[in-house]
Amino acid sequence: MSDVSTFRLYLLRGAYLLVSVGLAFTIWPQIILHDTKWPLWYGVGCSLLAAVSVLAVLGIRYRSSARAVADHQRSHRANDCNLTLL
């Protein structure tokens, strides 16, 4: 993966860091310290954002692996679209 410039790599890592820190201060305290029952879609939203923050932390260190996962998901979406058109 040497086709990405160093500036873009650090820009991507900075964006991942911004997302992970922002969600760490807003979502994780709600998940860890909640004391009442949440409505269904509020809990789903918090869980989804928590998963995004974990993936952002992993993306800071393992950029090439995250790209491989994204490429894999993109290929599955393309296959799903092709099957839908049939």
PDB file of N, CA and C in Angstrom:
ATOM      1  N   MET A   1       0.819  -1.186   0.000  1.00  0.00           N
ATOM      2  CA  MET A   1       0.000   0.000   0.000  1.00  0.00           C
ATOM      3  C   MET A   1       0.873   1.263   0.000  1.00  0.00           C
ATOM      4  N   SER A   2       1.882   1.267  -0.790  1.00  0.00           N
ATOM      5  CA  SER A   2       2.775   2.420  -0.820  1.00  0.00           C
ATOM      6  C   SER A   2       2.277   3.507  -1.764  1.00  0.00           C
ATOM      7  N   ASP A   3       1.096   3.325  -2.372  1.00  0.00           N
ATOM      8  CA  ASP A   3       0.584   4.315  -3.307  1.00  0.00           C
ATOM      9  C   ASP A   3      -0.051   5.516  -2.615  1.00  0.00           C
ATOM     10  N   VAL A   4      -0.205   5.473  -1.291  1.00  0.00           N
ATOM     11  CA  VAL A   4      -0.788   6.584  -0.542  1.00  0.00           C
ATOM     12  C   VAL A   4       0.347   7.452  -0.004  1.00  0.00           C
ATOM     13  N   SER A   5       0.222   8.760  -0.208  1.00  0.00           N
ATOM     14  CA  SER A   5       1.280   9.653   0.259  1.00  0.00           C
ATOM     15  C   SER A   5       1.253   9.743   1.788  1.00  0.00           C
ATOM     16  N   THR A   6       2.374  10.141   2.341  1.00  0.00           N
ATOM     17  CA  THR A   6       2.491  10.254   3.788  1.00  0.00           C
ATOM     18  C   THR A   6       1.523  11.288   4.339  1.00  0.00           C
ATOM     19  N   PHE A   7       1.338  12.386   3.640  1.00  0.00           N
ATOM     20  CA  PHE A   7       0.405  13.410   4.092  1.00  0.00           C
ATOM     21  C   PHE A   7      -1.014  12.860   4.188  1.00  0.00           C
ATOM     22  N   ARG A   8      -1.442  12.122   3.176  1.00  0.00           N
ATOM     23  CA  ARG A   8      -2.795  11.552   3.198  1.00  0.00           C
ATOM     24  C   ARG A   8      -2.946  10.500   4.285  1.00  0.00           C
ATOM     25  N   LEU A   9      -1.889   9.742   4.528  1.00  0.00           N
ATOM     26  CA  LEU A   9      -1.917   8.741   5.580  1.00  0.00           C
ATOM     27  C   LEU A   9      -2.114   9.405   6.940  1.00  0.00           C
ATOM     28  N   TYR A  10      -1.351  10.460   7.209  1.00  0.00           N
ATOM     29  CA  TYR A  10      -1.495  11.155   8.489  1.00  0.00           C
ATOM     30  C   TYR A  10      -2.816  11.908   8.583  1.00  0.00           C
ATOM     31  N   LEU A  11      -3.329  12.384   7.469  1.00  0.00           N
ATOM     32  CA  LEU A  11      -4.644  13.026   7.457  1.00  0.00           C
ATOM     33  C   LEU A  11      -5.730  12.010   7.798  1.00  0.00           C
ATOM     34  N   LEU A  12      -5.646  10.821   7.243  1.00  0.00           N
ATOM     35  CA  LEU A  12      -6.595   9.762   7.544  1.00  0.00           C
ATOM     36  C   LEU A  12      -6.505   9.348   9.008  1.00  0.00           C
ATOM     37  N   ARG A  13      -5.300   9.211   9.500  1.00  0.00           N
ATOM     38  CA  ARG A  13      -5.127   8.846  10.911  1.00  0.00           C
ATOM     39  C   ARG A  13      -5.641   9.946  11.835  1.00  0.00           C
ATOM     40  N   GLY A  14      -5.463  11.196  11.438  1.00  0.00           N
ATOM     41  CA  GLY A  14      -6.014  12.300  12.238  1.00  0.00           C
ATOM     42  C   GLY A  14      -7.530  12.276  12.266  1.00  0.00           C
ATOM     43  N   ALA A  15      -8.148  11.949  11.140  1.00  0.00           N
ATOM     44  CA  ALA A  15      -9.614  11.849  11.093  1.00  0.00           C
ATOM     45  C   ALA A  15     -10.098  10.694  11.958  1.00  0.00           C
ATOM     46  N   TYR A  16      -9.408   9.557  11.898  1.00  0.00           N
ATOM     47  CA  TYR A  16      -9.766   8.428  12.758  1.00  0.00           C
ATOM     48  C   TYR A  16      -9.626   8.802  14.229  1.00  0.00           C
ATOM     49  N   LEU A  17      -8.568   9.535  14.560  1.00  0.00           N
ATOM     50  CA  LEU A  17      -8.357   9.947  15.943  1.00  0.00           C
ATOM     51  C   LEU A  17      -9.456  10.902  16.401  1.00  0.00           C
ATOM     52  N   LEU A  18      -9.834  11.840  15.549  1.00  0.00           N
ATOM     53  CA  LEU A  18     -10.895  12.776  15.883  1.00  0.00           C
ATOM     54  C   LEU A  18     -12.220  12.050  16.126  1.00  0.00           C
ATOM     55  N   VAL A  19     -12.550  11.105  15.269  1.00  0.00           N
ATOM     56  CA  VAL A  19     -13.789  10.342  15.430  1.00  0.00           C
ATOM     57  C   VAL A  19     -13.752   9.515  16.704  1.00  0.00           C
ATOM     58  N   SER A  20     -12.651   8.828  16.949  1.00  0.00           N
ATOM     59  CA  SER A  20     -12.582   7.949  18.118  1.00  0.00           C
ATOM     60  C   SER A  20     -12.603   8.737  19.425  1.00  0.00           C
ATOM     61  N   VAL A  21     -11.911   9.872  19.488  1.00  0.00           N
ATOM     62  CA  VAL A  21     -11.921  10.685  20.710  1.00  0.00           C
ATOM     63  C   VAL A  21     -13.295  11.321  20.923  1.00  0.00           C
ATOM     64  N   GLY A  22     -13.890  11.830  19.857  1.00  0.00           N
ATOM     65  CA  GLY A  22     -15.213  12.429  19.988  1.00  0.00           C
ATOM     66  C   GLY A  22     -16.252  11.436  20.472  1.00  0.00           C
ATOM     67  N   LEU A  23     -16.244  10.241  19.920  1.00  0.00           N
ATOM     68  CA  LEU A  23     -17.209   9.232  20.347  1.00  0.00           C
ATOM     69  C   LEU A  23     -16.873   8.673  21.725  1.00  0.00           C
ATOM     70  N   ALA A  24     -15.592   8.683  22.088  1.00  0.00           N
ATOM     71  CA  ALA A  24     -15.210   8.209  23.418  1.00  0.00           C
ATOM     72  C   ALA A  24     -15.773   9.119  24.508  1.00  0.00           C
ATOM     73  N   PHE A  25     -15.885  10.411  24.234  1.00  0.00           N
ATOM     74  CA  PHE A  25     -16.412  11.336  25.228  1.00  0.00           C
ATOM     75  C   PHE A  25     -17.934  11.450  25.197  1.00  0.00           C
ATOM     76  N   THR A  26     -18.577  11.038  24.118  1.00  0.00           N
ATOM     77  CA  THR A  26     -20.022  11.199  24.042  1.00  0.00           C
ATOM     78  C   THR A  26     -20.786   9.881  24.164  1.00  0.00           C
ATOM     79  N   ILE A  27     -20.355   8.845  23.492  1.00  0.00           N
ATOM     80  CA  ILE A  27     -21.110   7.595  23.446  1.00  0.00           C
ATOM     81  C   ILE A  27     -20.713   6.613  24.546  1.00  0.00           C
ATOM     82  N   TRP A  28     -19.418   6.426  24.759  1.00  0.00           N
ATOM     83  CA  TRP A  28     -18.990   5.405  25.716  1.00  0.00           C
ATOM     84  C   TRP A  28     -19.458   5.666  27.138  1.00  0.00           C
ATOM     85  N   PRO A  29     -19.461   6.909  27.643  1.00  0.00           N
ATOM     86  CA  PRO A  29     -20.032   7.109  28.991  1.00  0.00           C
ATOM     87  C   PRO A  29     -21.512   6.731  29.075  1.00  0.00           C
ATOM     88  N   GLN A  30     -22.260   6.972  28.002  1.00  0.00           N
ATOM     89  CA  GLN A  30     -23.668   6.585  28.004  1.00  0.00           C
ATOM     90  C   GLN A  30     -23.825   5.072  28.050  1.00  0.00           C
ATOM     91  N   ILE A  31     -22.948   4.360  27.371  1.00  0.00           N
ATOM     92  CA  ILE A  31     -23.041   2.900  27.342  1.00  0.00           C
ATOM     93  C   ILE A  31     -22.616   2.303  28.684  1.00  0.00           C
ATOM     94  N   ILE A  32     -21.547   2.829  29.250  1.00  0.00           N
ATOM     95  CA  ILE A  32     -21.013   2.256  30.481  1.00  0.00           C
ATOM     96  C   ILE A  32     -21.870   2.624  31.694  1.00  0.00           C
ATOM     97  N   LEU A  33     -22.373   3.852  31.753  1.00  0.00           N
ATOM     98  CA  LEU A  33     -23.051   4.342  32.954  1.00  0.00           C
ATOM     99  C   LEU A  33     -24.563   4.442  32.841  1.00  0.00           C
ATOM    100  N   HIS A  34     -25.180   3.817  31.853  1.00  0.00           N
ATOM    101  CA  HIS A  34     -26.640   3.968  31.752  1.00  0.00           C
ATOM    102  C   HIS A  34     -27.330   3.186  32.863  1.00  0.00           C
ATOM    103  N   ASP A  35     -28.425   3.741  33.373  1.00  0.00           N
ATOM    104  CA  ASP A  35     -29.124   3.108  34.491  1.00  0.00           C
ATOM    105  C   ASP A  35     -30.600   2.834  34.200  1.00  0.00           C
ATOM    106  N   THR A  36     -31.118   3.352  33.115  1.00  0.00           N
ATOM    107  CA  THR A  36     -32.508   3.086  32.761  1.00  0.00           C
ATOM    108  C   THR A  36     -32.559   2.330  31.435  1.00  0.00           C
ATOM    109  N   LYS A  37     -33.722   1.786  31.153  1.00  0.00           N
ATOM    110  CA  LYS A  37     -33.892   1.063  29.899  1.00  0.00           C
ATOM    111  C   LYS A  37     -34.013   2.059  28.751  1.00  0.00           C
ATOM    112  N   TRP A  38     -33.256   1.816  27.682  1.00  0.00           N
ATOM    113  CA  TRP A  38     -33.276   2.694  26.515  1.00  0.00           C
ATOM    114  C   TRP A  38     -34.366   2.278  25.547  1.00  0.00           C
ATOM    115  N   PRO A  39     -34.903   3.227  24.792  1.00  0.00           N
ATOM    116  CA  PRO A  39     -35.743   2.834  23.659  1.00  0.00           C
ATOM    117  C   PRO A  39     -34.898   2.040  22.652  1.00  0.00           C
ATOM    118  N   LEU A  40     -35.572   1.205  21.893  1.00  0.00           N
ATOM    119  CA  LEU A  40     -34.863   0.276  21.011  1.00  0.00           C
ATOM    120  C   LEU A  40     -33.901   0.980  20.065  1.00  0.00           C
ATOM    121  N   TRP A  41     -34.370   1.952  19.328  1.00  0.00           N
ATOM    122  CA  TRP A  41     -33.525   2.554  18.294  1.00  0.00           C
ATOM    123  C   TRP A  41     -32.450   3.452  18.876  1.00  0.00           C
ATOM    124  N   TYR A  42     -32.651   3.965  20.082  1.00  0.00           N
ATOM    125  CA  TYR A  42     -31.584   4.724  20.737  1.00  0.00           C
ATOM    126  C   TYR A  42     -30.436   3.784  21.114  1.00  0.00           C
ATOM    127  N   GLY A  43     -30.764   2.602  21.612  1.00  0.00           N
ATOM    128  CA  GLY A  43     -29.737   1.613  21.943  1.00  0.00           C
ATOM    129  C   GLY A  43     -29.004   1.106  20.713  1.00  0.00           C
ATOM    130  N   VAL A  44     -29.750   0.932  19.630  1.00  0.00           N
ATOM    131  CA  VAL A  44     -29.124   0.501  18.373  1.00  0.00           C
ATOM    132  C   VAL A  44     -28.154   1.577  17.877  1.00  0.00           C
ATOM    133  N   GLY A  45     -28.590   2.832  17.946  1.00  0.00           N
ATOM    134  CA  GLY A  45     -27.725   3.928  17.501  1.00  0.00           C
ATOM    135  C   GLY A  45     -26.464   4.042  18.330  1.00  0.00           C
ATOM    136  N   CYS A  46     -26.599   3.928  19.647  1.00  0.00           N
ATOM    137  CA  CYS A  46     -25.411   3.995  20.511  1.00  0.00           C
ATOM    138  C   CYS A  46     -24.471   2.816  20.257  1.00  0.00           C
ATOM    139  N   SER A  47     -25.038   1.642  20.048  1.00  0.00           N
ATOM    140  CA  SER A  47     -24.199   0.472  19.763  1.00  0.00           C
ATOM    141  C   SER A  47     -23.461   0.626  18.438  1.00  0.00           C
ATOM    142  N   LEU A  48     -24.149   1.153  17.448  1.00  0.00           N
ATOM    143  CA  LEU A  48     -23.518   1.368  16.144  1.00  0.00           C
ATOM    144  C   LEU A  48     -22.388   2.386  16.246  1.00  0.00           C
ATOM    145  N   LEU A  49     -22.621   3.476  16.955  1.00  0.00           N
ATOM    146  CA  LEU A  49     -21.572   4.488  17.105  1.00  0.00           C
ATOM    147  C   LEU A  49     -20.398   3.966  17.926  1.00  0.00           C
ATOM    148  N   ALA A  50     -20.667   3.124  18.910  1.00  0.00           N
ATOM    149  CA  ALA A  50     -19.578   2.508  19.675  1.00  0.00           C
ATOM    150  C   ALA A  50     -18.737   1.604  18.782  1.00  0.00           C
ATOM    151  N   ALA A  51     -19.390   0.857  17.903  1.00  0.00           N
ATOM    152  CA  ALA A  51     -18.654  -0.007  16.964  1.00  0.00           C
ATOM    153  C   ALA A  51     -17.822   0.832  16.002  1.00  0.00           C
ATOM    154  N   VAL A  52     -18.364   1.961  15.556  1.00  0.00           N
ATOM    155  CA  VAL A  52     -17.603   2.855  14.672  1.00  0.00           C
ATOM    156  C   VAL A  52     -16.368   3.380  15.391  1.00  0.00           C
ATOM    157  N   SER A  53     -16.508   3.708  16.677  1.00  0.00           N
ATOM    158  CA  SER A  53     -15.349   4.221  17.404  1.00  0.00           C
ATOM    159  C   SER A  53     -14.274   3.151  17.567  1.00  0.00           C
ATOM    160  N   VAL A  54     -14.674   1.912  17.788  1.00  0.00           N
ATOM    161  CA  VAL A  54     -13.690   0.823  17.892  1.00  0.00           C
ATOM    162  C   VAL A  54     -12.984   0.628  16.557  1.00  0.00           C
ATOM    163  N   LEU A  55     -13.741   0.658  15.464  1.00  0.00           N
ATOM    164  CA  LEU A  55     -13.118   0.509  14.143  1.00  0.00           C
ATOM    165  C   LEU A  55     -12.218   1.693  13.813  1.00  0.00           C
ATOM    166  N   ALA A  56     -12.558   2.889  14.286  1.00  0.00           N
ATOM    167  CA  ALA A  56     -11.689   4.045  14.060  1.00  0.00           C
ATOM    168  C   ALA A  56     -10.373   3.879  14.809  1.00  0.00           C
ATOM    169  N   VAL A  57     -10.434   3.346  16.015  1.00  0.00           N
ATOM    170  CA  VAL A  57      -9.189   3.100  16.767  1.00  0.00           C
ATOM    171  C   VAL A  57      -8.338   2.064  16.041  1.00  0.00           C
ATOM    172  N   LEU A  58      -8.974   1.025  15.530  1.00  0.00           N
ATOM    173  CA  LEU A  58      -8.217   0.034  14.765  1.00  0.00           C
ATOM    174  C   LEU A  58      -7.674   0.624  13.471  1.00  0.00           C
ATOM    175  N   GLY A  59      -8.411   1.548  12.867  1.00  0.00           N
ATOM    176  CA  GLY A  59      -7.967   2.168  11.625  1.00  0.00           C
ATOM    177  C   GLY A  59      -6.758   3.060  11.807  1.00  0.00           C
ATOM    178  N   ILE A  60      -6.561   3.589  13.022  1.00  0.00           N
ATOM    179  CA  ILE A  60      -5.373   4.417  13.276  1.00  0.00           C
ATOM    180  C   ILE A  60      -4.115   3.579  13.105  1.00  0.00           C
ATOM    181  N   ARG A  61      -4.151   2.354  13.602  1.00  0.00           N
ATOM    182  CA  ARG A  61      -2.964   1.516  13.560  1.00  0.00           C
ATOM    183  C   ARG A  61      -2.890   0.653  12.295  1.00  0.00           C
ATOM    184  N   TYR A  62      -4.007   0.069  11.908  1.00  0.00           N
ATOM    185  CA  TYR A  62      -4.013  -0.898  10.823  1.00  0.00           C
ATOM    186  C   TYR A  62      -4.757  -0.338   9.620  1.00  0.00           C
ATOM    187  N   ARG A  63      -4.185   0.654   8.974  1.00  0.00           N
ATOM    188  CA  ARG A  63      -4.847   1.312   7.853  1.00  0.00           C
ATOM    189  C   ARG A  63      -5.037   0.357   6.683  1.00  0.00           C
ATOM    190  N   SER A  64      -4.036  -0.436   6.371  1.00  0.00           N
ATOM    191  CA  SER A  64      -4.138  -1.317   5.212  1.00  0.00           C
ATOM    192  C   SER A  64      -5.171  -2.415   5.443  1.00  0.00           C
ATOM    193  N   SER A  65      -5.293  -2.908   6.662  1.00  0.00           N
ATOM    194  CA  SER A  65      -6.305  -3.918   6.956  1.00  0.00           C
ATOM    195  C   SER A  65      -7.699  -3.332   6.846  1.00  0.00           C
ATOM    196  N   ALA A  66      -7.863  -2.104   7.302  1.00  0.00           N
ATOM    197  CA  ALA A  66      -9.169  -1.454   7.212  1.00  0.00           C
ATOM    198  C   ALA A  66      -9.549  -1.251   5.749  1.00  0.00           C
ATOM    199  N   ARG A  67      -8.573  -0.955   4.933  1.00  0.00           N
ATOM    200  CA  ARG A  67      -8.857  -0.790   3.507  1.00  0.00           C
ATOM    201  C   ARG A  67      -9.255  -2.120   2.876  1.00  0.00           C
ATOM    202  N   ALA A  68      -8.617  -3.205   3.310  1.00  0.00           N
ATOM    203  CA  ALA A  68      -8.967  -4.520   2.774  1.00  0.00           C
ATOM    204  C   ALA A  68     -10.395  -4.891   3.167  1.00  0.00           C
ATOM    205  N   VAL A  69     -10.794  -4.584   4.385  1.00  0.00           N
ATOM    206  CA  VAL A  69     -12.160  -4.862   4.823  1.00  0.00           C
ATOM    207  C   VAL A  69     -13.146  -4.029   4.023  1.00  0.00           C
ATOM    208  N   ALA A  70     -12.830  -2.758   3.803  1.00  0.00           N
ATOM    209  CA  ALA A  70     -13.721  -1.889   3.027  1.00  0.00           C
ATOM    210  C   ALA A  70     -13.844  -2.385   1.591  1.00  0.00           C
ATOM    211  N   ASP A  71     -12.746  -2.827   1.001  1.00  0.00           N
ATOM    212  CA  ASP A  71     -12.801  -3.368  -0.359  1.00  0.00           C
ATOM    213  C   ASP A  71     -13.650  -4.637  -0.412  1.00  0.00           C
ATOM    214  N   HIS A  72     -13.519  -5.461   0.619  1.00  0.00           N
ATOM    215  CA  HIS A  72     -14.311  -6.693   0.682  1.00  0.00           C
ATOM    216  C   HIS A  72     -15.801  -6.376   0.782  1.00  0.00           C
ATOM    217  N   GLN A  73     -16.152  -5.403   1.640  1.00  0.00           N
ATOM    218  CA  GLN A  73     -17.553  -5.015   1.774  1.00  0.00           C
ATOM    219  C   GLN A  73     -18.073  -4.396   0.487  1.00  0.00           C
ATOM    220  N   ARG A  74     -17.257  -3.613  -0.181  1.00  0.00           N
ATOM    221  CA  ARG A  74     -17.663  -2.989  -1.438  1.00  0.00           C
ATOM    222  C   ARG A  74     -17.951  -4.050  -2.494  1.00  0.00           C
ATOM    223  N   SER A  75     -17.142  -5.095  -2.536  1.00  0.00           N
ATOM    224  CA  SER A  75     -17.381  -6.148  -3.523  1.00  0.00           C
ATOM    225  C   SER A  75     -18.672  -6.904  -3.210  1.00  0.00           C
ATOM    226  N   HIS A  76     -18.964  -7.114  -1.928  1.00  0.00           N
ATOM    227  CA  HIS A  76     -20.220  -7.776  -1.573  1.00  0.00           C
ATOM    228  C   HIS A  76     -21.420  -6.905  -1.930  1.00  0.00           C
ATOM    229  N   ARG A  77     -21.317  -5.593  -1.731  1.00  0.00           N
ATOM    230  CA  ARG A  77     -22.411  -4.700  -2.113  1.00  0.00           C
ATOM    231  C   ARG A  77     -22.630  -4.737  -3.619  1.00  0.00           C
ATOM    232  N   ALA A  78     -21.551  -4.779  -4.366  1.00  0.00           N
ATOM    233  CA  ALA A  78     -21.688  -4.842  -5.828  1.00  0.00           C
ATOM    234  C   ALA A  78     -22.365  -6.148  -6.239  1.00  0.00           C
ATOM    235  N   ASN A  79     -22.014  -7.248  -5.580  1.00  0.00           N
ATOM    236  CA  ASN A  79     -22.658  -8.523  -5.888  1.00  0.00           C
ATOM    237  C   ASN A  79     -24.133  -8.493  -5.514  1.00  0.00           C
ATOM    238  N   ASP A  80     -24.470  -7.885  -4.385  1.00  0.00           N
ATOM    239  CA  ASP A  80     -25.869  -7.786  -3.983  1.00  0.00           C
ATOM    240  C   ASP A  80     -26.661  -6.953  -4.990  1.00  0.00           C
ATOM    241  N   CYS A  81     -26.071  -5.864  -5.467  1.00  0.00           N
ATOM    242  CA  CYS A  81     -26.757  -5.037  -6.457  1.00  0.00           C
ATOM    243  C   CYS A  81     -26.952  -5.804  -7.756  1.00  0.00           C
ATOM    244  N   ASN A  82     -25.947  -6.563  -8.154  1.00  0.00           N
ATOM    245  CA  ASN A  82     -26.076  -7.347  -9.384  1.00  0.00           C
ATOM    246  C   ASN A  82     -27.160  -8.410  -9.262  1.00  0.00           C
ATOM    247  N   LEU A  83     -27.241  -9.057  -8.093  1.00  0.00           N
ATOM    248  CA  LEU A  83     -28.272 -10.061  -7.891  1.00  0.00           C
ATOM    249  C   LEU A  83     -29.655  -9.438  -7.846  1.00  0.00           C
ATOM    250  N   THR A  84     -29.759  -8.221  -7.317  1.00  0.00           N
ATOM    251  CA  THR A  84     -31.043  -7.532  -7.255  1.00  0.00           C
ATOM    252  C   THR A  84     -31.519  -7.188  -8.657  1.00  0.00           C
ATOM    253  N   LEU A  85     -30.591  -6.820  -9.521  1.00  0.00           N
ATOM    254  CA  LEU A  85     -30.969  -6.449 -10.888  1.00  0.00           C
ATOM    255  C   LEU A  85     -31.408  -7.653 -11.708  1.00  0.00           C
ATOM    256  N   LEU A  86     -30.954  -8.832 -11.321  1.00  0.00           N
ATOM    257  CA  LEU A  86     -31.357 -10.036 -12.057  1.00  0.00           C
ATOM    258  C   LEU A  86     -32.768 -10.357 -11.720  1.00  0.00           C
TER     259      LEU A  86
END
